[in-house]
Amino acid sequence: MFVKHFTDGVYGGKRKALAAAIAYRDHIIARYPPLTLKEFCSVIKHNNRSGISGVCHYASSEPRQDGELRWYWVASWSPEPRKTKQIKFSVDKYGEEGAFQRAVRARKNALAQLEGDFNPGMSRE
């Protein structure tokens, strides 16, 4: 019912309605251009506690022989739709700050290789 009214009554047919919709879409995109993948991946989410998007502090589920947990700083990113990569840096090996800085650098290097615009439908393909 709505489609018939919208396409026949307001714009004078389906072709004119489609042309109007495309023109409106193009106007909106020109006014509010899509985020690049780098921009989208740099948005800090509400639950982020490291202050760097894609970098988190992580405790291994398997403790060391002394019973202590193994802690890591982890950098993660999505190089393509439905694929995630991550690299972790041991706090035992690099120290808290060293592991954190390595994770930040790894994340930055990974984002530098991303190209194109963010497509909100790409995760549902």
PDB file of N, CA and C in Angstrom:
ATOM      1  N   MET A   1       0.829  -1.184   0.000  1.00  0.00           N
ATOM      2  CA  MET A   1       0.000   0.000   0.000  1.00  0.00           C
ATOM      3  C   MET A   1       0.883   1.261   0.000  1.00  0.00           C
ATOM      4  N   PHE A   2       1.839   1.327   0.920  1.00  0.00           N
ATOM      5  CA  PHE A   2       2.734   2.475   1.019  1.00  0.00           C
ATOM      6  C   PHE A   2       3.566   2.620  -0.259  1.00  0.00           C
ATOM      7  N   VAL A   3       4.078   1.478  -0.779  1.00  0.00           N
ATOM      8  CA  VAL A   3       4.923   1.518  -1.967  1.00  0.00           C
ATOM      9  C   VAL A   3       4.121   2.036  -3.159  1.00  0.00           C
ATOM     10  N   LYS A   4       2.886   1.572  -3.321  1.00  0.00           N
ATOM     11  CA  LYS A   4       2.054   2.029  -4.439  1.00  0.00           C
ATOM     12  C   LYS A   4       1.845   3.541  -4.363  1.00  0.00           C
ATOM     13  N   HIS A   5       1.483   4.037  -3.184  1.00  0.00           N
ATOM     14  CA  HIS A   5       1.281   5.473  -3.015  1.00  0.00           C
ATOM     15  C   HIS A   5       2.577   6.241  -3.285  1.00  0.00           C
ATOM     16  N   PHE A   6       3.658   5.741  -2.736  1.00  0.00           N
ATOM     17  CA  PHE A   6       4.924   6.445  -2.842  1.00  0.00           C
ATOM     18  C   PHE A   6       5.434   6.464  -4.275  1.00  0.00           C
ATOM     19  N   THR A   7       5.297   5.345  -4.968  1.00  0.00           N
ATOM     20  CA  THR A   7       5.855   5.279  -6.320  1.00  0.00           C
ATOM     21  C   THR A   7       4.916   5.818  -7.381  1.00  0.00           C
ATOM     22  N   ASP A   8       3.622   5.673  -7.203  1.00  0.00           N
ATOM     23  CA  ASP A   8       2.687   6.122  -8.242  1.00  0.00           C
ATOM     24  C   ASP A   8       2.132   7.519  -7.978  1.00  0.00           C
ATOM     25  N   GLY A   9       1.810   7.799  -6.720  1.00  0.00           N
ATOM     26  CA  GLY A   9       1.120   9.046  -6.415  1.00  0.00           C
ATOM     27  C   GLY A   9       2.020  10.247  -6.250  1.00  0.00           C
ATOM     28  N   VAL A  10       3.165  10.096  -5.636  1.00  0.00           N
ATOM     29  CA  VAL A  10       3.995  11.254  -5.308  1.00  0.00           C
ATOM     30  C   VAL A  10       4.961  11.601  -6.426  1.00  0.00           C
ATOM     31  N   TYR A  11       5.630  10.612  -6.999  1.00  0.00           N
ATOM     32  CA  TYR A  11       6.678  10.879  -7.979  1.00  0.00           C
ATOM     33  C   TYR A  11       6.275  10.557  -9.413  1.00  0.00           C
ATOM     34  N   GLY A  12       5.088  10.019  -9.595  1.00  0.00           N
ATOM     35  CA  GLY A  12       4.630   9.768 -10.955  1.00  0.00           C
ATOM     36  C   GLY A  12       5.161   8.490 -11.576  1.00  0.00           C
ATOM     37  N   GLY A  13       5.396   7.491 -10.781  1.00  0.00           N
ATOM     38  CA  GLY A  13       5.830   6.200 -11.312  1.00  0.00           C
ATOM     39  C   GLY A  13       7.108   5.709 -10.670  1.00  0.00           C
ATOM     40  N   LYS A  14       7.389   4.425 -10.917  1.00  0.00           N
ATOM     41  CA  LYS A  14       8.544   3.769 -10.299  1.00  0.00           C
ATOM     42  C   LYS A  14       9.865   4.373 -10.752  1.00  0.00           C
ATOM     43  N   ARG A  15      10.005   4.679 -12.011  1.00  0.00           N
ATOM     44  CA  ARG A  15      11.284   5.227 -12.506  1.00  0.00           C
ATOM     45  C   ARG A  15      11.586   6.588 -11.903  1.00  0.00           C
ATOM     46  N   LYS A  16      10.571   7.432 -11.811  1.00  0.00           N
ATOM     47  CA  LYS A  16      10.785   8.754 -11.220  1.00  0.00           C
ATOM     48  C   LYS A  16      11.044   8.643  -9.713  1.00  0.00           C
ATOM     49  N   ALA A  17      10.369   7.701  -9.071  1.00  0.00           N
ATOM     50  CA  ALA A  17      10.603   7.481  -7.635  1.00  0.00           C
ATOM     51  C   ALA A  17      12.028   6.983  -7.396  1.00  0.00           C
ATOM     52  N   LEU A  18      12.490   6.057  -8.248  1.00  0.00           N
ATOM     53  CA  LEU A  18      13.860   5.559  -8.125  1.00  0.00           C
ATOM     54  C   LEU A  18      14.863   6.677  -8.368  1.00  0.00           C
ATOM     55  N   ALA A  19      14.630   7.502  -9.363  1.00  0.00           N
ATOM     56  CA  ALA A  19      15.538   8.619  -9.642  1.00  0.00           C
ATOM     57  C   ALA A  19      15.589   9.584  -8.462  1.00  0.00           C
ATOM     58  N   ALA A  20      14.428   9.848  -7.848  1.00  0.00           N
ATOM     59  CA  ALA A  20      14.394  10.732  -6.680  1.00  0.00           C
ATOM     60  C   ALA A  20      15.133  10.108  -5.501  1.00  0.00           C
ATOM     61  N   ALA A  21      14.974   8.803  -5.311  1.00  0.00           N
ATOM     62  CA  ALA A  21      15.659   8.113  -4.207  1.00  0.00           C
ATOM     63  C   ALA A  21      17.172   8.146  -4.403  1.00  0.00           C
ATOM     64  N   ILE A  22      17.612   7.910  -5.627  1.00  0.00           N
ATOM     65  CA  ILE A  22      19.051   7.941  -5.921  1.00  0.00           C
ATOM     66  C   ILE A  22      19.604   9.350  -5.705  1.00  0.00           C
ATOM     67  N   ALA A  23      18.877  10.355  -6.146  1.00  0.00           N
ATOM     68  CA  ALA A  23      19.325  11.744  -5.953  1.00  0.00           C
ATOM     69  C   ALA A  23      19.421  12.079  -4.465  1.00  0.00           C
ATOM     70  N   TYR A  24      18.439  11.613  -3.685  1.00  0.00           N
ATOM     71  CA  TYR A  24      18.455  11.867  -2.242  1.00  0.00           C
ATOM     72  C   TYR A  24      19.639  11.150  -1.590  1.00  0.00           C
ATOM     73  N   ARG A  25      19.852   9.892  -1.977  1.00  0.00           N
ATOM     74  CA  ARG A  25      20.994   9.146  -1.444  1.00  0.00           C
ATOM     75  C   ARG A  25      22.301   9.858  -1.755  1.00  0.00           C
ATOM     76  N   ASP A  26      22.461  10.291  -2.993  1.00  0.00           N
ATOM     77  CA  ASP A  26      23.694  10.967  -3.390  1.00  0.00           C
ATOM     78  C   ASP A  26      23.888  12.274  -2.626  1.00  0.00           C
ATOM     79  N   HIS A  27      22.807  12.985  -2.364  1.00  0.00           N
ATOM     80  CA  HIS A  27      22.868  14.221  -1.577  1.00  0.00           C
ATOM     81  C   HIS A  27      23.352  13.925  -0.150  1.00  0.00           C
ATOM     82  N   ILE A  28      22.787  12.896   0.461  1.00  0.00           N
ATOM     83  CA  ILE A  28      23.168  12.534   1.831  1.00  0.00           C
ATOM     84  C   ILE A  28      24.632  12.094   1.889  1.00  0.00           C
ATOM     85  N   ILE A  29      25.054  11.281   0.929  1.00  0.00           N
ATOM     86  CA  ILE A  29      26.454  10.812   0.917  1.00  0.00           C
ATOM     87  C   ILE A  29      27.407  11.975   0.704  1.00  0.00           C
ATOM     88  N   ALA A  30      27.033  12.929  -0.147  1.00  0.00           N
ATOM     89  CA  ALA A  30      27.894  14.096  -0.366  1.00  0.00           C
ATOM     90  C   ALA A  30      27.994  14.943   0.897  1.00  0.00           C
ATOM     91  N   ARG A  31      26.893  15.041   1.624  1.00  0.00           N
ATOM     92  CA  ARG A  31      26.890  15.860   2.844  1.00  0.00           C
ATOM     93  C   ARG A  31      27.574  15.148   4.009  1.00  0.00           C
ATOM     94  N   TYR A  32      27.389  13.829   4.093  1.00  0.00           N
ATOM     95  CA  TYR A  32      27.958  13.016   5.173  1.00  0.00           C
ATOM     96  C   TYR A  32      28.719  11.846   4.552  1.00  0.00           C
ATOM     97  N   PRO A  33      29.943  12.070   4.086  1.00  0.00           N
ATOM     98  CA  PRO A  33      30.677  10.997   3.415  1.00  0.00           C
ATOM     99  C   PRO A  33      30.925   9.822   4.365  1.00  0.00           C
ATOM    100  N   PRO A  34      30.999   8.611   3.805  1.00  0.00           N
ATOM    101  CA  PRO A  34      31.223   7.438   4.650  1.00  0.00           C
ATOM    102  C   PRO A  34      32.609   7.483   5.294  1.00  0.00           C
ATOM    103  N   LEU A  35      32.718   6.847   6.433  1.00  0.00           N
ATOM    104  CA  LEU A  35      34.015   6.732   7.092  1.00  0.00           C
ATOM    105  C   LEU A  35      34.909   5.802   6.286  1.00  0.00           C
ATOM    106  N   THR A  36      36.188   6.077   6.297  1.00  0.00           N
ATOM    107  CA  THR A  36      37.125   5.109   5.731  1.00  0.00           C
ATOM    108  C   THR A  36      37.219   3.951   6.711  1.00  0.00           C
ATOM    109  N   LEU A  37      37.761   2.823   6.256  1.00  0.00           N
ATOM    110  CA  LEU A  37      37.962   1.691   7.163  1.00  0.00           C
ATOM    111  C   LEU A  37      38.868   2.091   8.327  1.00  0.00           C
ATOM    112  N   LYS A  38      39.904   2.874   8.031  1.00  0.00           N
ATOM    113  CA  LYS A  38      40.816   3.308   9.089  1.00  0.00           C
ATOM    114  C   LYS A  38      40.080   4.141  10.133  1.00  0.00           C
ATOM    115  N   GLU A  39      39.231   5.061   9.665  1.00  0.00           N
ATOM    116  CA  GLU A  39      38.468   5.899  10.594  1.00  0.00           C
ATOM    117  C   GLU A  39      37.512   5.052  11.434  1.00  0.00           C
ATOM    118  N   PHE A  40      36.789   4.155  10.779  1.00  0.00           N
ATOM    119  CA  PHE A  40      35.831   3.317  11.503  1.00  0.00           C
ATOM    120  C   PHE A  40      36.542   2.453  12.540  1.00  0.00           C
ATOM    121  N   CYS A  41      37.674   1.871  12.167  1.00  0.00           N
ATOM    122  CA  CYS A  41      38.406   0.995  13.086  1.00  0.00           C
ATOM    123  C   CYS A  41      39.087   1.763  14.209  1.00  0.00           C
ATOM    124  N   SER A  42      39.178   3.073  14.091  1.00  0.00           N
ATOM    125  CA  SER A  42      39.805   3.885  15.127  1.00  0.00           C
ATOM    126  C   SER A  42      38.809   4.436  16.144  1.00  0.00           C
ATOM    127  N   VAL A  43      37.534   4.225  15.902  1.00  0.00           N
ATOM    128  CA  VAL A  43      36.513   4.702  16.839  1.00  0.00           C
ATOM    129  C   VAL A  43      36.655   3.924  18.146  1.00  0.00           C
ATOM    130  N   ILE A  44      36.755   4.656  19.243  1.00  0.00           N
ATOM    131  CA  ILE A  44      36.888   3.993  20.549  1.00  0.00           C
ATOM    132  C   ILE A  44      35.497   3.621  21.044  1.00  0.00           C
ATOM    133  N   LYS A  45      35.290   2.343  21.283  1.00  0.00           N
ATOM    134  CA  LYS A  45      33.999   1.831  21.722  1.00  0.00           C
ATOM    135  C   LYS A  45      33.772   2.154  23.203  1.00  0.00           C
ATOM    136  N   HIS A  46      32.522   2.085  23.626  1.00  0.00           N
ATOM    137  CA  HIS A  46      32.163   2.471  24.996  1.00  0.00           C
ATOM    138  C   HIS A  46      32.807   1.580  26.057  1.00  0.00           C
ATOM    139  N   ASN A  47      33.127   0.333  25.712  1.00  0.00           N
ATOM    140  CA  ASN A  47      33.697  -0.586  26.696  1.00  0.00           C
ATOM    141  C   ASN A  47      35.231  -0.657  26.653  1.00  0.00           C
ATOM    142  N   ASN A  48      35.853   0.230  25.887  1.00  0.00           N
ATOM    143  CA  ASN A  48      37.310   0.238  25.778  1.00  0.00           C
ATOM    144  C   ASN A  48      37.926   0.753  27.072  1.00  0.00           C
ATOM    145  N   ARG A  49      38.934   0.037  27.577  1.00  0.00           N
ATOM    146  CA  ARG A  49      39.601   0.479  28.803  1.00  0.00           C
ATOM    147  C   ARG A  49      41.073   0.795  28.599  1.00  0.00           C
ATOM    148  N   SER A  50      41.600   0.499  27.416  1.00  0.00           N
ATOM    149  CA  SER A  50      43.018   0.780  27.177  1.00  0.00           C
ATOM    150  C   SER A  50      43.235   2.192  26.652  1.00  0.00           C
ATOM    151  N   GLY A  51      42.181   2.788  26.094  1.00  0.00           N
ATOM    152  CA  GLY A  51      42.317   4.099  25.488  1.00  0.00           C
ATOM    153  C   GLY A  51      42.703   4.037  24.021  1.00  0.00           C
ATOM    154  N   ILE A  52      43.013   2.851  23.515  1.00  0.00           N
ATOM    155  CA  ILE A  52      43.382   2.648  22.116  1.00  0.00           C
ATOM    156  C   ILE A  52      42.423   1.628  21.521  1.00  0.00           C
ATOM    157  N   SER A  53      41.758   2.008  20.459  1.00  0.00           N
ATOM    158  CA  SER A  53      40.840   1.088  19.804  1.00  0.00           C
ATOM    159  C   SER A  53      41.594  -0.140  19.301  1.00  0.00           C
ATOM    160  N   GLY A  54      41.049  -1.338  19.578  1.00  0.00           N
ATOM    161  CA  GLY A  54      41.655  -2.576  19.095  1.00  0.00           C
ATOM    162  C   GLY A  54      42.811  -3.087  19.930  1.00  0.00           C
ATOM    163  N   VAL A  55      43.057  -2.487  21.081  1.00  0.00           N
ATOM    164  CA  VAL A  55      44.133  -2.934  21.975  1.00  0.00           C
ATOM    165  C   VAL A  55      43.524  -3.239  23.331  1.00  0.00           C
ATOM    166  N   CYS A  56      43.795  -4.445  23.833  1.00  0.00           N
ATOM    167  CA  CYS A  56      43.234  -4.824  25.138  1.00  0.00           C
ATOM    168  C   CYS A  56      44.245  -5.595  25.970  1.00  0.00           C
ATOM    169  N   HIS A  57      43.986  -5.619  27.260  1.00  0.00           N
ATOM    170  CA  HIS A  57      44.776  -6.357  28.234  1.00  0.00           C
ATOM    171  C   HIS A  57      44.088  -7.698  28.407  1.00  0.00           C
ATOM    172  N   TYR A  58      44.837  -8.772  28.355  1.00  0.00           N
ATOM    173  CA  TYR A  58      44.256 -10.097  28.292  1.00  0.00           C
ATOM    174  C   TYR A  58      45.009 -11.044  29.213  1.00  0.00           C
ATOM    175  N   ALA A  59      44.269 -11.846  29.959  1.00  0.00           N
ATOM    176  CA  ALA A  59      44.878 -12.876  30.812  1.00  0.00           C
ATOM    177  C   ALA A  59      44.606 -14.235  30.190  1.00  0.00           C
ATOM    178  N   SER A  60      45.649 -15.021  30.030  1.00  0.00           N
ATOM    179  CA  SER A  60      45.503 -16.365  29.482  1.00  0.00           C
ATOM    180  C   SER A  60      44.669 -17.219  30.429  1.00  0.00           C
ATOM    181  N   SER A  61      43.899 -18.128  29.879  1.00  0.00           N
ATOM    182  CA  SER A  61      43.064 -18.994  30.718  1.00  0.00           C
ATOM    183  C   SER A  61      43.880 -20.085  31.395  1.00  0.00           C
ATOM    184  N   GLU A  62      45.104 -20.286  30.941  1.00  0.00           N
ATOM    185  CA  GLU A  62      45.974 -21.292  31.557  1.00  0.00           C
ATOM    186  C   GLU A  62      47.041 -20.607  32.393  1.00  0.00           C
ATOM    187  N   PRO A  63      47.025 -20.834  33.702  1.00  0.00           N
ATOM    188  CA  PRO A  63      48.038 -20.187  34.553  1.00  0.00           C
ATOM    189  C   PRO A  63      49.426 -20.792  34.342  1.00  0.00           C
ATOM    190  N   ARG A  64      50.429 -20.036  34.766  1.00  0.00           N
ATOM    191  CA  ARG A  64      51.801 -20.538  34.742  1.00  0.00           C
ATOM    192  C   ARG A  64      51.923 -21.635  35.790  1.00  0.00           C
ATOM    193  N   GLN A  65      53.075 -22.252  35.853  1.00  0.00           N
ATOM    194  CA  GLN A  65      53.294 -23.334  36.825  1.00  0.00           C
ATOM    195  C   GLN A  65      53.161 -22.842  38.258  1.00  0.00           C
ATOM    196  N   ASP A  66      53.461 -21.565  38.501  1.00  0.00           N
ATOM    197  CA  ASP A  66      53.347 -21.031  39.859  1.00  0.00           C
ATOM    198  C   ASP A  66      51.912 -20.609  40.198  1.00  0.00           C
ATOM    199  N   GLY A  67      50.967 -20.837  39.264  1.00  0.00           N
ATOM    200  CA  GLY A  67      49.575 -20.506  39.521  1.00  0.00           C
ATOM    201  C   GLY A  67      49.163 -19.114  39.099  1.00  0.00           C
ATOM    202  N   GLU A  68      50.122 -18.280  38.754  1.00  0.00           N
ATOM    203  CA  GLU A  68      49.818 -16.919  38.312  1.00  0.00           C
ATOM    204  C   GLU A  68      49.330 -16.939  36.860  1.00  0.00           C
ATOM    205  N   LEU A  69      48.475 -16.003  36.546  1.00  0.00           N
ATOM    206  CA  LEU A  69      47.991 -15.893  35.170  1.00  0.00           C
ATOM    207  C   LEU A  69      49.053 -15.266  34.287  1.00  0.00           C
ATOM    208  N   ARG A  70      49.036 -15.634  33.025  1.00  0.00           N
ATOM    209  CA  ARG A  70      49.913 -15.000  32.041  1.00  0.00           C
ATOM    210  C   ARG A  70      49.152 -13.827  31.450  1.00  0.00           C
ATOM    211  N   TRP A  71      49.741 -12.640  31.497  1.00  0.00           N
ATOM    212  CA  TRP A  71      49.091 -11.444  30.982  1.00  0.00           C
ATOM    213  C   TRP A  71      49.725 -11.007  29.677  1.00  0.00           C
ATOM    214  N   TYR A  72      48.890 -10.494  28.802  1.00  0.00           N
ATOM    215  CA  TYR A  72      49.317 -10.031  27.488  1.00  0.00           C
ATOM    216  C   TYR A  72      48.614  -8.716  27.157  1.00  0.00           C
ATOM    217  N   TRP A  73      49.249  -7.948  26.289  1.00  0.00           N
ATOM    218  CA  TRP A  73      48.568  -6.855  25.604  1.00  0.00           C
ATOM    219  C   TRP A  73      48.342  -7.359  24.189  1.00  0.00           C
ATOM    220  N   VAL A  74      47.110  -7.214  23.711  1.00  0.00           N
ATOM    221  CA  VAL A  74      46.713  -7.788  22.427  1.00  0.00           C
ATOM    222  C   VAL A  74      46.257  -6.689  21.471  1.00  0.00           C
ATOM    223  N   ALA A  75      46.751  -6.756  20.244  1.00  0.00           N
ATOM    224  CA  ALA A  75      46.274  -5.891  19.167  1.00  0.00           C
ATOM    225  C   ALA A  75      45.426  -6.751  18.241  1.00  0.00           C
ATOM    226  N   SER A  76      44.245  -6.250  17.871  1.00  0.00           N
ATOM    227  CA  SER A  76      43.399  -7.009  16.947  1.00  0.00           C
ATOM    228  C   SER A  76      42.841  -6.081  15.880  1.00  0.00           C
ATOM    229  N   TRP A  77      42.541  -6.663  14.720  1.00  0.00           N
ATOM    230  CA  TRP A  77      42.004  -5.897  13.603  1.00  0.00           C
ATOM    231  C   TRP A  77      41.336  -6.865  12.639  1.00  0.00           C
ATOM    232  N   SER A  78      40.588  -6.301  11.714  1.00  0.00           N
ATOM    233  CA  SER A  78      39.883  -7.098  10.715  1.00  0.00           C
ATOM    234  C   SER A  78      40.405  -6.715   9.335  1.00  0.00           C
ATOM    235  N   PRO A  79      41.266  -7.535   8.741  1.00  0.00           N
ATOM    236  CA  PRO A  79      41.843  -7.193   7.445  1.00  0.00           C
ATOM    237  C   PRO A  79      40.842  -7.295   6.292  1.00  0.00           C
ATOM    238  N   GLU A  80      39.781  -8.054   6.494  1.00  0.00           N
ATOM    239  CA  GLU A  80      38.729  -8.201   5.491  1.00  0.00           C
ATOM    240  C   GLU A  80      37.467  -8.667   6.196  1.00  0.00           C
ATOM    241  N   PRO A  81      36.315  -8.564   5.528  1.00  0.00           N
ATOM    242  CA  PRO A  81      35.062  -8.952   6.186  1.00  0.00           C
ATOM    243  C   PRO A  81      35.113 -10.375   6.755  1.00  0.00           C
ATOM    244  N   ARG A  82      34.604 -10.502   7.958  1.00  0.00           N
ATOM    245  CA  ARG A  82      34.484 -11.783   8.672  1.00  0.00           C
ATOM    246  C   ARG A  82      35.831 -12.434   8.999  1.00  0.00           C
ATOM    247  N   LYS A  83      36.907 -11.684   8.972  1.00  0.00           N
ATOM    248  CA  LYS A  83      38.224 -12.215   9.345  1.00  0.00           C
ATOM    249  C   LYS A  83      38.818 -11.296  10.400  1.00  0.00           C
ATOM    250  N   THR A  84      39.355 -11.903  11.433  1.00  0.00           N
ATOM    251  CA  THR A  84      39.998 -11.134  12.487  1.00  0.00           C
ATOM    252  C   THR A  84      41.410 -11.660  12.682  1.00  0.00           C
ATOM    253  N   LYS A  85      42.324 -10.742  12.855  1.00  0.00           N
ATOM    254  CA  LYS A  85      43.708 -11.110  13.186  1.00  0.00           C
ATOM    255  C   LYS A  85      44.056 -10.463  14.504  1.00  0.00           C
ATOM    256  N   GLN A  86      44.936 -11.116  15.223  1.00  0.00           N
ATOM    257  CA  GLN A  86      45.425 -10.515  16.464  1.00  0.00           C
ATOM    258  C   GLN A  86      46.837 -10.982  16.729  1.00  0.00           C
ATOM    259  N   ILE A  87      47.527 -10.157  17.496  1.00  0.00           N
ATOM    260  CA  ILE A  87      48.878 -10.491  17.916  1.00  0.00           C
ATOM    261  C   ILE A  87      48.985 -10.091  19.380  1.00  0.00           C
ATOM    262  N   LYS A  88      49.601 -10.952  20.177  1.00  0.00           N
ATOM    263  CA  LYS A  88      49.702 -10.651  21.605  1.00  0.00           C
ATOM    264  C   LYS A  88      51.161 -10.526  22.018  1.00  0.00           C
ATOM    265  N   PHE A  89      51.365  -9.688  23.011  1.00  0.00           N
ATOM    266  CA  PHE A  89      52.698  -9.395  23.520  1.00  0.00           C
ATOM    267  C   PHE A  89      52.714  -9.670  25.013  1.00  0.00           C
ATOM    268  N   SER A  90      53.613 -10.527  25.429  1.00  0.00           N
ATOM    269  CA  SER A  90      53.686 -10.982  26.810  1.00  0.00           C
ATOM    270  C   SER A  90      54.197  -9.895  27.755  1.00  0.00           C
ATOM    271  N   VAL A  91      53.458  -9.702  28.840  1.00  0.00           N
ATOM    272  CA  VAL A  91      53.896  -8.767  29.881  1.00  0.00           C
ATOM    273  C   VAL A  91      55.136  -9.325  30.579  1.00  0.00           C
ATOM    274  N   ASP A  92      55.215 -10.659  30.731  1.00  0.00           N
ATOM    275  CA  ASP A  92      56.408 -11.270  31.343  1.00  0.00           C
ATOM    276  C   ASP A  92      57.659 -10.982  30.509  1.00  0.00           C
ATOM    277  N   LYS A  93      57.520 -11.046  29.207  1.00  0.00           N
ATOM    278  CA  LYS A  93      58.667 -10.876  28.320  1.00  0.00           C
ATOM    279  C   LYS A  93      59.053  -9.415  28.125  1.00  0.00           C
ATOM    280  N   TYR A  94      58.057  -8.529  27.917  1.00  0.00           N
ATOM    281  CA  TYR A  94      58.349  -7.139  27.556  1.00  0.00           C
ATOM    282  C   TYR A  94      58.071  -6.132  28.658  1.00  0.00           C
ATOM    283  N   GLY A  95      57.479  -6.580  29.751  1.00  0.00           N
ATOM    284  CA  GLY A  95      57.046  -5.647  30.784  1.00  0.00           C
ATOM    285  C   GLY A  95      55.703  -5.046  30.391  1.00  0.00           C
ATOM    286  N   GLU A  96      55.014  -4.474  31.367  1.00  0.00           N
ATOM    287  CA  GLU A  96      53.673  -3.932  31.115  1.00  0.00           C
ATOM    288  C   GLU A  96      53.693  -2.859  30.023  1.00  0.00           C
ATOM    289  N   GLU A  97      54.556  -1.876  30.171  1.00  0.00           N
ATOM    290  CA  GLU A  97      54.608  -0.767  29.208  1.00  0.00           C
ATOM    291  C   GLU A  97      55.146  -1.223  27.859  1.00  0.00           C
ATOM    292  N   GLY A  98      56.173  -2.068  27.864  1.00  0.00           N
ATOM    293  CA  GLY A  98      56.747  -2.547  26.607  1.00  0.00           C
ATOM    294  C   GLY A  98      55.753  -3.364  25.798  1.00  0.00           C
ATOM    295  N   ALA A  99      55.002  -4.242  26.459  1.00  0.00           N
ATOM    296  CA  ALA A  99      53.998  -5.052  25.772  1.00  0.00           C
ATOM    297  C   ALA A  99      52.878  -4.161  25.230  1.00  0.00           C
ATOM    298  N   PHE A 100      52.462  -3.184  26.033  1.00  0.00           N
ATOM    299  CA  PHE A 100      51.417  -2.261  25.600  1.00  0.00           C
ATOM    300  C   PHE A 100      51.868  -1.474  24.366  1.00  0.00           C
ATOM    301  N   GLN A 101      53.066  -0.921  24.402  1.00  0.00           N
ATOM    302  CA  GLN A 101      53.573  -0.131  23.271  1.00  0.00           C
ATOM    303  C   GLN A 101      53.711  -0.974  22.002  1.00  0.00           C
ATOM    304  N   ARG A 102      54.126  -2.225  22.153  1.00  0.00           N
ATOM    305  CA  ARG A 102      54.228  -3.113  20.990  1.00  0.00           C
ATOM    306  C   ARG A 102      52.852  -3.406  20.401  1.00  0.00           C
ATOM    307  N   ALA A 103      51.860  -3.592  21.259  1.00  0.00           N
ATOM    308  CA  ALA A 103      50.494  -3.830  20.781  1.00  0.00           C
ATOM    309  C   ALA A 103      49.957  -2.596  20.053  1.00  0.00           C
ATOM    310  N   VAL A 104      50.211  -1.424  20.596  1.00  0.00           N
ATOM    311  CA  VAL A 104      49.765  -0.182  19.963  1.00  0.00           C
ATOM    312  C   VAL A 104      50.433  -0.038  18.593  1.00  0.00           C
ATOM    313  N   ARG A 105      51.714  -0.305  18.521  1.00  0.00           N
ATOM    314  CA  ARG A 105      52.447  -0.198  17.255  1.00  0.00           C
ATOM    315  C   ARG A 105      51.929  -1.215  16.234  1.00  0.00           C
ATOM    316  N   ALA A 106      51.668  -2.443  16.685  1.00  0.00           N
ATOM    317  CA  ALA A 106      51.152  -3.479  15.776  1.00  0.00           C
ATOM    318  C   ALA A 106      49.783  -3.084  15.231  1.00  0.00           C
ATOM    319  N   ARG A 107      48.939  -2.543  16.096  1.00  0.00           N
ATOM    320  CA  ARG A 107      47.608  -2.101  15.663  1.00  0.00           C
ATOM    321  C   ARG A 107      47.717  -0.959  14.648  1.00  0.00           C
ATOM    322  N   LYS A 108      48.592  -0.007  14.940  1.00  0.00           N
ATOM    323  CA  LYS A 108      48.789   1.134  14.041  1.00  0.00           C
ATOM    324  C   LYS A 108      49.290   0.662  12.676  1.00  0.00           C
ATOM    325  N   ASN A 109      50.242  -0.261  12.664  1.00  0.00           N
ATOM    326  CA  ASN A 109      50.770  -0.798  11.405  1.00  0.00           C
ATOM    327  C   ASN A 109      49.693  -1.552  10.625  1.00  0.00           C
ATOM    328  N   ALA A 110      48.848  -2.290  11.327  1.00  0.00           N
ATOM    329  CA  ALA A 110      47.776  -3.033  10.659  1.00  0.00           C
ATOM    330  C   ALA A 110      46.762  -2.071  10.040  1.00  0.00           C
ATOM    331  N   LEU A 111      46.396  -1.019  10.772  1.00  0.00           N
ATOM    332  CA  LEU A 111      45.429  -0.053  10.242  1.00  0.00           C
ATOM    333  C   LEU A 111      45.980   0.704   9.040  1.00  0.00           C
ATOM    334  N   ALA A 112      47.281   0.916   9.019  1.00  0.00           N
ATOM    335  CA  ALA A 112      47.898   1.637   7.912  1.00  0.00           C
ATOM    336  C   ALA A 112      47.724   0.879   6.596  1.00  0.00           C
ATOM    337  N   GLN A 113      47.482  -0.415   6.671  1.00  0.00           N
ATOM    338  CA  GLN A 113      47.343  -1.221   5.468  1.00  0.00           C
ATOM    339  C   GLN A 113      45.897  -1.341   4.992  1.00  0.00           C
ATOM    340  N   LEU A 114      44.950  -0.864   5.807  1.00  0.00           N
ATOM    341  CA  LEU A 114      43.544  -0.926   5.414  1.00  0.00           C
ATOM    342  C   LEU A 114      43.255   0.139   4.374  1.00  0.00           C
ATOM    343  N   GLU A 115      42.435  -0.217   3.402  1.00  0.00           N
ATOM    344  CA  GLU A 115      42.053   0.730   2.356  1.00  0.00           C
ATOM    345  C   GLU A 115      40.556   0.669   2.144  1.00  0.00           C
ATOM    346  N   GLY A 116      40.009   1.724   1.610  1.00  0.00           N
ATOM    347  CA  GLY A 116      38.603   1.757   1.245  1.00  0.00           C
ATOM    348  C   GLY A 116      37.722   2.366   2.322  1.00  0.00           C
ATOM    349  N   ASP A 117      36.422   2.401   1.995  1.00  0.00           N
ATOM    350  CA  ASP A 117      35.435   2.950   2.906  1.00  0.00           C
ATOM    351  C   ASP A 117      34.788   1.842   3.712  1.00  0.00           C
ATOM    352  N   PHE A 118      34.279   2.224   4.883  1.00  0.00           N
ATOM    353  CA  PHE A 118      33.536   1.286   5.719  1.00  0.00           C
ATOM    354  C   PHE A 118      32.182   1.017   5.081  1.00  0.00           C
ATOM    355  N   ASN A 119      31.810  -0.239   5.011  1.00  0.00           N
ATOM    356  CA  ASN A 119      30.509  -0.647   4.485  1.00  0.00           C
ATOM    357  C   ASN A 119      29.779  -1.366   5.596  1.00  0.00           C
ATOM    358  N   PRO A 120      28.742  -0.751   6.191  1.00  0.00           N
ATOM    359  CA  PRO A 120      28.073  -1.376   7.324  1.00  0.00           C
ATOM    360  C   PRO A 120      27.437  -2.717   7.002  1.00  0.00           C
ATOM    361  N   GLY A 121      27.185  -3.004   5.734  1.00  0.00           N
ATOM    362  CA  GLY A 121      26.596  -4.288   5.369  1.00  0.00           C
ATOM    363  C   GLY A 121      27.608  -5.386   5.134  1.00  0.00           C
ATOM    364  N   MET A 122      28.902  -5.067   5.171  1.00  0.00           N
ATOM    365  CA  MET A 122      29.906  -6.069   4.810  1.00  0.00           C
ATOM    366  C   MET A 122      29.978  -7.221   5.806  1.00  0.00           C
ATOM    367  N   SER A 123      29.583  -6.993   7.059  1.00  0.00           N
ATOM    368  CA  SER A 123      29.657  -8.077   8.034  1.00  0.00           C
ATOM    369  C   SER A 123      28.494  -9.052   7.881  1.00  0.00           C
ATOM    370  N   ARG A 124      27.495  -8.700   7.069  1.00  0.00           N
ATOM    371  CA  ARG A 124      26.327  -9.559   6.890  1.00  0.00           C
ATOM    372  C   ARG A 124      26.328 -10.255   5.547  1.00  0.00           C
ATOM    373  N   GLU A 125      27.412 -10.174   4.804  1.00  0.00           N
ATOM    374  CA  GLU A 125      27.464 -10.782   3.464  1.00  0.00           C
ATOM    375  C   GLU A 125      27.452 -12.281   3.541  1.00  0.00           C
TER     376      GLU A 125
END
